[in-house]
PDB file of N, CA and C in Angstrom:
ATOM      1  N   MET A   1     218.628  96.660 -65.380  1.00  0.00           N
ATOM      2  CA  MET A   1     217.923  96.464 -64.134  1.00  0.00           C
ATOM      3  C   MET A   1     217.797  97.763 -63.338  1.00  0.00           C
ATOM      4  N   LYS A   2     218.703  98.702 -63.526  1.00  0.00           N
ATOM      5  CA  LYS A   2     218.655  99.931 -62.748  1.00  0.00           C
ATOM      6  C   LYS A   2     217.401 100.750 -63.048  1.00  0.00           C
ATOM      7  N   THR A   3     216.863 100.632 -64.251  1.00  0.00           N
ATOM      8  CA  THR A   3     215.685 101.427 -64.598  1.00  0.00           C
ATOM      9  C   THR A   3     214.471 101.018 -63.790  1.00  0.00           C
ATOM     10  N   LYS A   4     214.400  99.796 -63.309  1.00  0.00           N
ATOM     11  CA  LYS A   4     213.262  99.353 -62.507  1.00  0.00           C
ATOM     12  C   LYS A   4     213.135 100.167 -61.225  1.00  0.00           C
ATOM     13  N   PHE A   5     214.238 100.607 -60.671  1.00  0.00           N
ATOM     14  CA  PHE A   5     214.211 101.340 -59.406  1.00  0.00           C
ATOM     15  C   PHE A   5     213.624 102.733 -59.567  1.00  0.00           C
ATOM     16  N   TRP A   6     213.567 103.250 -60.781  1.00  0.00           N
ATOM     17  CA  TRP A   6     213.030 104.584 -61.014  1.00  0.00           C
ATOM     18  C   TRP A   6     211.551 104.559 -61.382  1.00  0.00           C
ATOM     19  N   VAL A   7     211.009 103.395 -61.640  1.00  0.00           N
ATOM     20  CA  VAL A   7     209.612 103.307 -62.066  1.00  0.00           C
ATOM     21  C   VAL A   7     208.670 103.792 -60.978  1.00  0.00           C
ATOM     22  N   LEU A   8     208.806 103.295 -59.763  1.00  0.00           N
ATOM     23  CA  LEU A   8     207.891 103.671 -58.682  1.00  0.00           C
ATOM     24  C   LEU A   8     207.960 105.161 -58.348  1.00  0.00           C
ATOM     25  N   PRO A   9     209.140 105.747 -58.127  1.00  0.00           N
ATOM     26  CA  PRO A   9     209.164 107.183 -57.819  1.00  0.00           C
ATOM     27  C   PRO A   9     208.586 108.037 -58.949  1.00  0.00           C
ATOM     28  N   ILE A  10     208.850 107.667 -60.189  1.00  0.00           N
ATOM     29  CA  ILE A  10     208.311 108.438 -61.306  1.00  0.00           C
ATOM     30  C   ILE A  10     206.797 108.306 -61.353  1.00  0.00           C
ATOM     31  N   PHE A  11     206.291 107.087 -61.147  1.00  0.00           N
ATOM     32  CA  PHE A  11     204.842 106.877 -61.131  1.00  0.00           C
ATOM     33  C   PHE A  11     204.201 107.707 -60.026  1.00  0.00           C
ATOM     34  N   LEU A  12     204.780 107.686 -58.834  1.00  0.00           N
ATOM     35  CA  LEU A  12     204.212 108.443 -57.720  1.00  0.00           C
ATOM     36  C   LEU A  12     204.224 109.937 -58.011  1.00  0.00           C
ATOM     37  N   PHE A  13     205.296 110.417 -58.608  1.00  0.00           N
ATOM     38  CA  PHE A  13     205.375 111.829 -58.941  1.00  0.00           C
ATOM     39  C   PHE A  13     204.298 112.205 -59.951  1.00  0.00           C
ATOM     40  N   LEU A  14     204.163 111.423 -61.001  1.00  0.00           N
ATOM     41  CA  LEU A  14     203.156 111.727 -62.019  1.00  0.00           C
ATOM     42  C   LEU A  14     201.742 111.623 -61.450  1.00  0.00           C
ATOM     43  N   ALA A  15     201.519 110.641 -60.599  1.00  0.00           N
ATOM     44  CA  ALA A  15     200.198 110.500 -59.976  1.00  0.00           C
ATOM     45  C   ALA A  15     199.890 111.697 -59.089  1.00  0.00           C
ATOM     46  N   SER A  16     200.899 112.226 -58.419  1.00  0.00           N
ATOM     47  CA  SER A  16     200.671 113.354 -57.525  1.00  0.00           C
ATOM     48  C   SER A  16     200.329 114.635 -58.293  1.00  0.00           C
ATOM     49  N   LEU A  17     200.727 114.725 -59.541  1.00  0.00           N
ATOM     50  CA  LEU A  17     200.410 115.904 -60.344  1.00  0.00           C
ATOM     51  C   LEU A  17     198.928 115.967 -60.715  1.00  0.00           C
ATOM     52  N   ASN A  18     198.239 114.861 -60.631  1.00  0.00           N
ATOM     53  CA  ASN A  18     196.841 114.784 -61.031  1.00  0.00           C
ATOM     54  C   ASN A  18     195.891 115.138 -59.884  1.00  0.00           C
ATOM     55  N   ILE A  19     196.404 115.631 -58.780  1.00  0.00           N
ATOM     56  CA  ILE A  19     195.580 115.969 -57.619  1.00  0.00           C
ATOM     57  C   ILE A  19     194.875 117.302 -57.879  1.00  0.00           C
ATOM     58  N   THR A  20     193.589 117.347 -57.619  1.00  0.00           N
ATOM     59  CA  THR A  20     192.824 118.575 -57.800  1.00  0.00           C
ATOM     60  C   THR A  20     192.316 119.063 -56.452  1.00  0.00           C
ATOM     61  N   ALA A  21     191.808 120.275 -56.438  1.00  0.00           N
ATOM     62  CA  ALA A  21     191.327 120.877 -55.194  1.00  0.00           C
ATOM     63  C   ALA A  21     189.833 120.657 -55.011  1.00  0.00           C
ATOM     64  N   GLN A  22     189.294 119.551 -55.502  1.00  0.00           N
ATOM     65  CA  GLN A  22     187.876 119.261 -55.357  1.00  0.00           C
ATOM     66  C   GLN A  22     187.607 118.733 -53.949  1.00  0.00           C
ATOM     67  N   ALA A  23     186.790 117.731 -53.828  1.00  0.00           N
ATOM     68  CA  ALA A  23     186.435 117.156 -52.523  1.00  0.00           C
ATOM     69  C   ALA A  23     187.686 116.634 -51.831  1.00  0.00           C
ATOM     70  N   ALA A  24     187.624 116.607 -50.512  1.00  0.00           N
ATOM     71  CA  ALA A  24     188.761 116.140 -49.710  1.00  0.00           C
ATOM     72  C   ALA A  24     189.094 114.697 -50.062  1.00  0.00           C
ATOM     73  N   GLU A  25     190.368 114.412 -50.200  1.00  0.00           N
ATOM     74  CA  GLU A  25     190.854 113.072 -50.488  1.00  0.00           C
ATOM     75  C   GLU A  25     191.589 112.554 -49.257  1.00  0.00           C
ATOM     76  N   VAL A  26     191.516 111.265 -49.041  1.00  0.00           N
ATOM     77  CA  VAL A  26     192.252 110.659 -47.937  1.00  0.00           C
ATOM     78  C   VAL A  26     193.743 110.892 -48.162  1.00  0.00           C
ATOM     79  N   GLY A  27     194.414 111.452 -47.174  1.00  0.00           N
ATOM     80  CA  GLY A  27     195.843 111.704 -47.271  1.00  0.00           C
ATOM     81  C   GLY A  27     196.215 113.040 -47.889  1.00  0.00           C
ATOM     82  N   VAL A  28     195.237 113.821 -48.303  1.00  0.00           N
ATOM     83  CA  VAL A  28     195.519 115.115 -48.919  1.00  0.00           C
ATOM     84  C   VAL A  28     194.910 116.219 -48.072  1.00  0.00           C
ATOM     85  N   THR A  29     195.750 117.147 -47.646  1.00  0.00           N
ATOM     86  CA  THR A  29     195.279 118.314 -46.911  1.00  0.00           C
ATOM     87  C   THR A  29     195.750 119.559 -47.655  1.00  0.00           C
ATOM     88  N   ASP A  30     195.499 120.706 -47.088  1.00  0.00           N
ATOM     89  CA  ASP A  30     195.961 121.952 -47.704  1.00  0.00           C
ATOM     90  C   ASP A  30     197.479 122.076 -47.698  1.00  0.00           C
ATOM     91  N   SER A  31     198.145 121.342 -46.786  1.00  0.00           N
ATOM     92  CA  SER A  31     199.589 121.494 -46.655  1.00  0.00           C
ATOM     93  C   SER A  31     200.382 120.217 -46.912  1.00  0.00           C
ATOM     94  N   GLU A  32     199.696 119.080 -47.106  1.00  0.00           N
ATOM     95  CA  GLU A  32     200.420 117.814 -47.186  1.00  0.00           C
ATOM     96  C   GLU A  32     199.708 116.823 -48.110  1.00  0.00           C
ATOM     97  N   ILE A  33     200.531 115.998 -48.761  1.00  0.00           N
ATOM     98  CA  ILE A  33     200.041 114.851 -49.518  1.00  0.00           C
ATOM     99  C   ILE A  33     200.760 113.636 -48.962  1.00  0.00           C
ATOM    100  N   ARG A  34     200.007 112.724 -48.369  1.00  0.00           N
ATOM    101  CA  ARG A  34     200.589 111.493 -47.836  1.00  0.00           C
ATOM    102  C   ARG A  34     200.433 110.384 -48.857  1.00  0.00           C
ATOM    103  N   ILE A  35     201.548 109.714 -49.120  1.00  0.00           N
ATOM    104  CA  ILE A  35     201.541 108.606 -50.059  1.00  0.00           C
ATOM    105  C   ILE A  35     202.042 107.369 -49.321  1.00  0.00           C
ATOM    106  N   GLY A  36     201.288 106.289 -49.435  1.00  0.00           N
ATOM    107  CA  GLY A  36     201.621 105.060 -48.733  1.00  0.00           C
ATOM    108  C   GLY A  36     202.486 104.124 -49.549  1.00  0.00           C
ATOM    109  N   GLN A  37     203.270 103.347 -48.828  1.00  0.00           N
ATOM    110  CA  GLN A  37     204.145 102.364 -49.443  1.00  0.00           C
ATOM    111  C   GLN A  37     204.138 101.107 -48.578  1.00  0.00           C
ATOM    112  N   PHE A  38     203.845  99.980 -49.178  1.00  0.00           N
ATOM    113  CA  PHE A  38     204.052  98.692 -48.532  1.00  0.00           C
ATOM    114  C   PHE A  38     205.242  98.070 -49.234  1.00  0.00           C
ATOM    115  N   ALA A  39     206.249  97.676 -48.460  1.00  0.00           N
ATOM    116  CA  ALA A  39     207.456  97.108 -49.046  1.00  0.00           C
ATOM    117  C   ALA A  39     208.100  96.174 -48.038  1.00  0.00           C
ATOM    118  N   ALA A  40     208.995  95.353 -48.541  1.00  0.00           N
ATOM    119  CA  ALA A  40     209.748  94.449 -47.671  1.00  0.00           C
ATOM    120  C   ALA A  40     210.822  95.265 -46.949  1.00  0.00           C
ATOM    121  N   LEU A  41     210.544  95.631 -45.722  1.00  0.00           N
ATOM    122  CA  LEU A  41     211.526  96.364 -44.912  1.00  0.00           C
ATOM    123  C   LEU A  41     212.217  95.432 -43.934  1.00  0.00           C
ATOM    124  N   SER A  42     211.741  94.187 -43.885  1.00  0.00           N
ATOM    125  CA  SER A  42     212.387  93.129 -43.108  1.00  0.00           C
ATOM    126  C   SER A  42     212.273  91.850 -43.935  1.00  0.00           C
ATOM    127  N   GLY A  43     212.989  90.814 -43.516  1.00  0.00           N
ATOM    128  CA  GLY A  43     212.942  89.559 -44.255  1.00  0.00           C
ATOM    129  C   GLY A  43     213.993  89.505 -45.354  1.00  0.00           C
ATOM    130  N   PRO A  44     213.909  88.481 -46.213  1.00  0.00           N
ATOM    131  CA  PRO A  44     214.961  88.258 -47.209  1.00  0.00           C
ATOM    132  C   PRO A  44     215.072  89.347 -48.285  1.00  0.00           C
ATOM    133  N   ALA A  45     214.026  90.111 -48.509  1.00  0.00           N
ATOM    134  CA  ALA A  45     214.072  91.177 -49.527  1.00  0.00           C
ATOM    135  C   ALA A  45     214.175  92.563 -48.893  1.00  0.00           C
ATOM    136  N   ALA A  46     214.565  92.615 -47.642  1.00  0.00           N
ATOM    137  CA  ALA A  46     214.587  93.887 -46.910  1.00  0.00           C
ATOM    138  C   ALA A  46     215.473  94.935 -47.562  1.00  0.00           C
ATOM    139  N   GLU A  47     216.610  94.518 -48.086  1.00  0.00           N
ATOM    140  CA  GLU A  47     217.530  95.500 -48.675  1.00  0.00           C
ATOM    141  C   GLU A  47     216.879  96.195 -49.866  1.00  0.00           C
ATOM    142  N   LEU A  48     216.152  95.459 -50.677  1.00  0.00           N
ATOM    143  CA  LEU A  48     215.449  96.044 -51.810  1.00  0.00           C
ATOM    144  C   LEU A  48     214.389  97.035 -51.334  1.00  0.00           C
ATOM    145  N   GLY A  49     213.574  96.628 -50.369  1.00  0.00           N
ATOM    146  CA  GLY A  49     212.524  97.500 -49.852  1.00  0.00           C
ATOM    147  C   GLY A  49     213.074  98.772 -49.227  1.00  0.00           C
ATOM    148  N   LYS A  50     214.143  98.634 -48.476  1.00  0.00           N
ATOM    149  CA  LYS A  50     214.746  99.799 -47.823  1.00  0.00           C
ATOM    150  C   LYS A  50     215.328 100.767 -48.850  1.00  0.00           C
ATOM    151  N   ARG A  51     215.916 100.224 -49.908  1.00  0.00           N
ATOM    152  CA  ARG A  51     216.492 101.096 -50.947  1.00  0.00           C
ATOM    153  C   ARG A  51     215.397 101.793 -51.753  1.00  0.00           C
ATOM    154  N   MET A  52     214.282 101.098 -51.985  1.00  0.00           N
ATOM    155  CA  MET A  52     213.155 101.768 -52.644  1.00  0.00           C
ATOM    156  C   MET A  52     212.652 102.911 -51.763  1.00  0.00           C
ATOM    157  N   GLN A  53     212.551 102.650 -50.461  1.00  0.00           N
ATOM    158  CA  GLN A  53     212.101 103.678 -49.522  1.00  0.00           C
ATOM    159  C   GLN A  53     213.047 104.879 -49.552  1.00  0.00           C
ATOM    160  N   LEU A  54     214.343 104.622 -49.542  1.00  0.00           N
ATOM    161  CA  LEU A  54     215.326 105.711 -49.591  1.00  0.00           C
ATOM    162  C   LEU A  54     215.219 106.502 -50.902  1.00  0.00           C
ATOM    163  N   GLY A  55     215.016 105.802 -52.015  1.00  0.00           N
ATOM    164  CA  GLY A  55     214.888 106.476 -53.309  1.00  0.00           C
ATOM    165  C   GLY A  55     213.658 107.369 -53.372  1.00  0.00           C
ATOM    166  N   ILE A  56     212.547 106.851 -52.892  1.00  0.00           N
ATOM    167  CA  ILE A  56     211.313 107.641 -52.870  1.00  0.00           C
ATOM    168  C   ILE A  56     211.484 108.845 -51.961  1.00  0.00           C
ATOM    169  N   GLN A  57     212.053 108.616 -50.782  1.00  0.00           N
ATOM    170  CA  GLN A  57     212.248 109.709 -49.833  1.00  0.00           C
ATOM    171  C   GLN A  57     213.160 110.788 -50.398  1.00  0.00           C
ATOM    172  N   ALA A  58     214.210 110.377 -51.111  1.00  0.00           N
ATOM    173  CA  ALA A  58     215.116 111.352 -51.727  1.00  0.00           C
ATOM    174  C   ALA A  58     214.377 112.189 -52.776  1.00  0.00           C
ATOM    175  N   HIS A  59     213.539 111.543 -53.556  1.00  0.00           N
ATOM    176  CA  HIS A  59     212.774 112.261 -54.578  1.00  0.00           C
ATOM    177  C   HIS A  59     211.773 113.216 -53.933  1.00  0.00           C
ATOM    178  N   PHE A  60     211.096 112.766 -52.888  1.00  0.00           N
ATOM    179  CA  PHE A  60     210.149 113.626 -52.180  1.00  0.00           C
ATOM    180  C   PHE A  60     210.861 114.815 -51.552  1.00  0.00           C
ATOM    181  N   THR A  61     212.048 114.604 -51.025  1.00  0.00           N
ATOM    182  CA  THR A  61     212.829 115.697 -50.429  1.00  0.00           C
ATOM    183  C   THR A  61     213.139 116.757 -51.482  1.00  0.00           C
ATOM    184  N   ALA A  62     213.499 116.320 -52.684  1.00  0.00           N
ATOM    185  CA  ALA A  62     213.792 117.267 -53.767  1.00  0.00           C
ATOM    186  C   ALA A  62     212.532 118.033 -54.177  1.00  0.00           C
ATOM    187  N   ILE A  63     211.413 117.329 -54.288  1.00  0.00           N
ATOM    188  CA  ILE A  63     210.157 117.993 -54.654  1.00  0.00           C
ATOM    189  C   ILE A  63     209.760 118.992 -53.570  1.00  0.00           C
ATOM    190  N   ASN A  64     209.868 118.588 -52.308  1.00  0.00           N
ATOM    191  CA  ASN A  64     209.504 119.473 -51.198  1.00  0.00           C
ATOM    192  C   ASN A  64     210.401 120.693 -51.128  1.00  0.00           C
ATOM    193  N   ALA A  65     211.688 120.518 -51.429  1.00  0.00           N
ATOM    194  CA  ALA A  65     212.622 121.649 -51.412  1.00  0.00           C
ATOM    195  C   ALA A  65     212.279 122.667 -52.501  1.00  0.00           C
ATOM    196  N   ALA A  66     211.626 122.186 -53.562  1.00  0.00           N
ATOM    197  CA  ALA A  66     211.228 123.073 -54.660  1.00  0.00           C
ATOM    198  C   ALA A  66     209.824 123.641 -54.462  1.00  0.00           C
ATOM    199  N   GLY A  67     209.250 123.423 -53.288  1.00  0.00           N
ATOM    200  CA  GLY A  67     207.933 123.989 -53.003  1.00  0.00           C
ATOM    201  C   GLY A  67     206.796 122.992 -52.966  1.00  0.00           C
ATOM    202  N   GLY A  68     207.104 121.718 -53.188  1.00  0.00           N
ATOM    203  CA  GLY A  68     206.069 120.695 -53.121  1.00  0.00           C
ATOM    204  C   GLY A  68     205.216 120.658 -54.370  1.00  0.00           C
ATOM    205  N   ILE A  69     204.033 120.082 -54.247  1.00  0.00           N
ATOM    206  CA  ILE A  69     203.066 119.997 -55.333  1.00  0.00           C
ATOM    207  C   ILE A  69     201.943 120.974 -55.015  1.00  0.00           C
ATOM    208  N   LYS A  70     201.873 122.040 -55.786  1.00  0.00           N
ATOM    209  CA  LYS A  70     200.893 123.096 -55.539  1.00  0.00           C
ATOM    210  C   LYS A  70     200.919 123.544 -54.077  1.00  0.00           C
ATOM    211  N   GLY A  71     202.149 123.678 -53.539  1.00  0.00           N
ATOM    212  CA  GLY A  71     202.328 124.146 -52.174  1.00  0.00           C
ATOM    213  C   GLY A  71     202.208 123.069 -51.109  1.00  0.00           C
ATOM    214  N   ARG A  72     201.877 121.864 -51.494  1.00  0.00           N
ATOM    215  CA  ARG A  72     201.732 120.772 -50.523  1.00  0.00           C
ATOM    216  C   ARG A  72     203.016 119.951 -50.464  1.00  0.00           C
ATOM    217  N   LYS A  73     203.441 119.621 -49.272  1.00  0.00           N
ATOM    218  CA  LYS A  73     204.623 118.795 -49.070  1.00  0.00           C
ATOM    219  C   LYS A  73     204.251 117.327 -49.204  1.00  0.00           C
ATOM    220  N   LEU A  74     205.136 116.535 -49.813  1.00  0.00           N
ATOM    221  CA  LEU A  74     204.925 115.100 -49.936  1.00  0.00           C
ATOM    222  C   LEU A  74     205.471 114.390 -48.708  1.00  0.00           C
ATOM    223  N   THR A  75     204.702 113.452 -48.180  1.00  0.00           N
ATOM    224  CA  THR A  75     205.111 112.658 -47.033  1.00  0.00           C
ATOM    225  C   THR A  75     204.942 111.189 -47.381  1.00  0.00           C
ATOM    226  N   LEU A  76     205.976 110.392 -47.149  1.00  0.00           N
ATOM    227  CA  LEU A  76     205.919 108.960 -47.397  1.00  0.00           C
ATOM    228  C   LEU A  76     205.584 108.240 -46.100  1.00  0.00           C
ATOM    229  N   VAL A  77     204.561 107.398 -46.145  1.00  0.00           N
ATOM    230  CA  VAL A  77     204.181 106.569 -45.005  1.00  0.00           C
ATOM    231  C   VAL A  77     204.475 105.131 -45.407  1.00  0.00           C
ATOM    232  N   SER A  78     205.508 104.531 -44.810  1.00  0.00           N
ATOM    233  CA  SER A  78     205.934 103.186 -45.179  1.00  0.00           C
ATOM    234  C   SER A  78     205.476 102.159 -44.157  1.00  0.00           C
ATOM    235  N   ARG A  79     205.064 101.006 -44.664  1.00  0.00           N
ATOM    236  CA  ARG A  79     204.711  99.872 -43.816  1.00  0.00           C
ATOM    237  C   ARG A  79     205.434  98.647 -44.319  1.00  0.00           C
ATOM    238  N   ASP A  80     205.874  97.830 -43.401  1.00  0.00           N
ATOM    239  CA  ASP A  80     206.628  96.619 -43.718  1.00  0.00           C
ATOM    240  C   ASP A  80     205.659  95.481 -44.047  1.00  0.00           C
ATOM    241  N   ASP A  81     205.849  94.873 -45.220  1.00  0.00           N
ATOM    242  CA  ASP A  81     205.015  93.721 -45.557  1.00  0.00           C
ATOM    243  C   ASP A  81     205.658  92.416 -45.094  1.00  0.00           C
ATOM    244  N   GLY A  82     206.851  92.508 -44.509  1.00  0.00           N
ATOM    245  CA  GLY A  82     207.501  91.361 -43.893  1.00  0.00           C
ATOM    246  C   GLY A  82     207.948  90.254 -44.833  1.00  0.00           C
ATOM    247  N   TYR A  83     208.105  90.567 -46.093  1.00  0.00           N
ATOM    248  CA  TYR A  83     208.481  89.545 -47.063  1.00  0.00           C
ATOM    249  C   TYR A  83     209.509  88.648 -46.475  1.00  0.00           C
TER     250      TYR A  83
END
């Protein structure tokens, strides 16, 4: 079951590598890449959602400390789906 918690951060990381410098993308600037997350941050599944948020944030912190993605810092924008 522990491997499920690594699927989302790995997917987000791999998806972020595919960003190109073509036309402007929503959430992508010269200095930042914003990635959205909808998760249960309240309600009966809140603990799961909060831990996913912490895991993603920890991974983004490590990527940003290493210089980001092509110089862009990753930013997580989380919204509560209220599960």
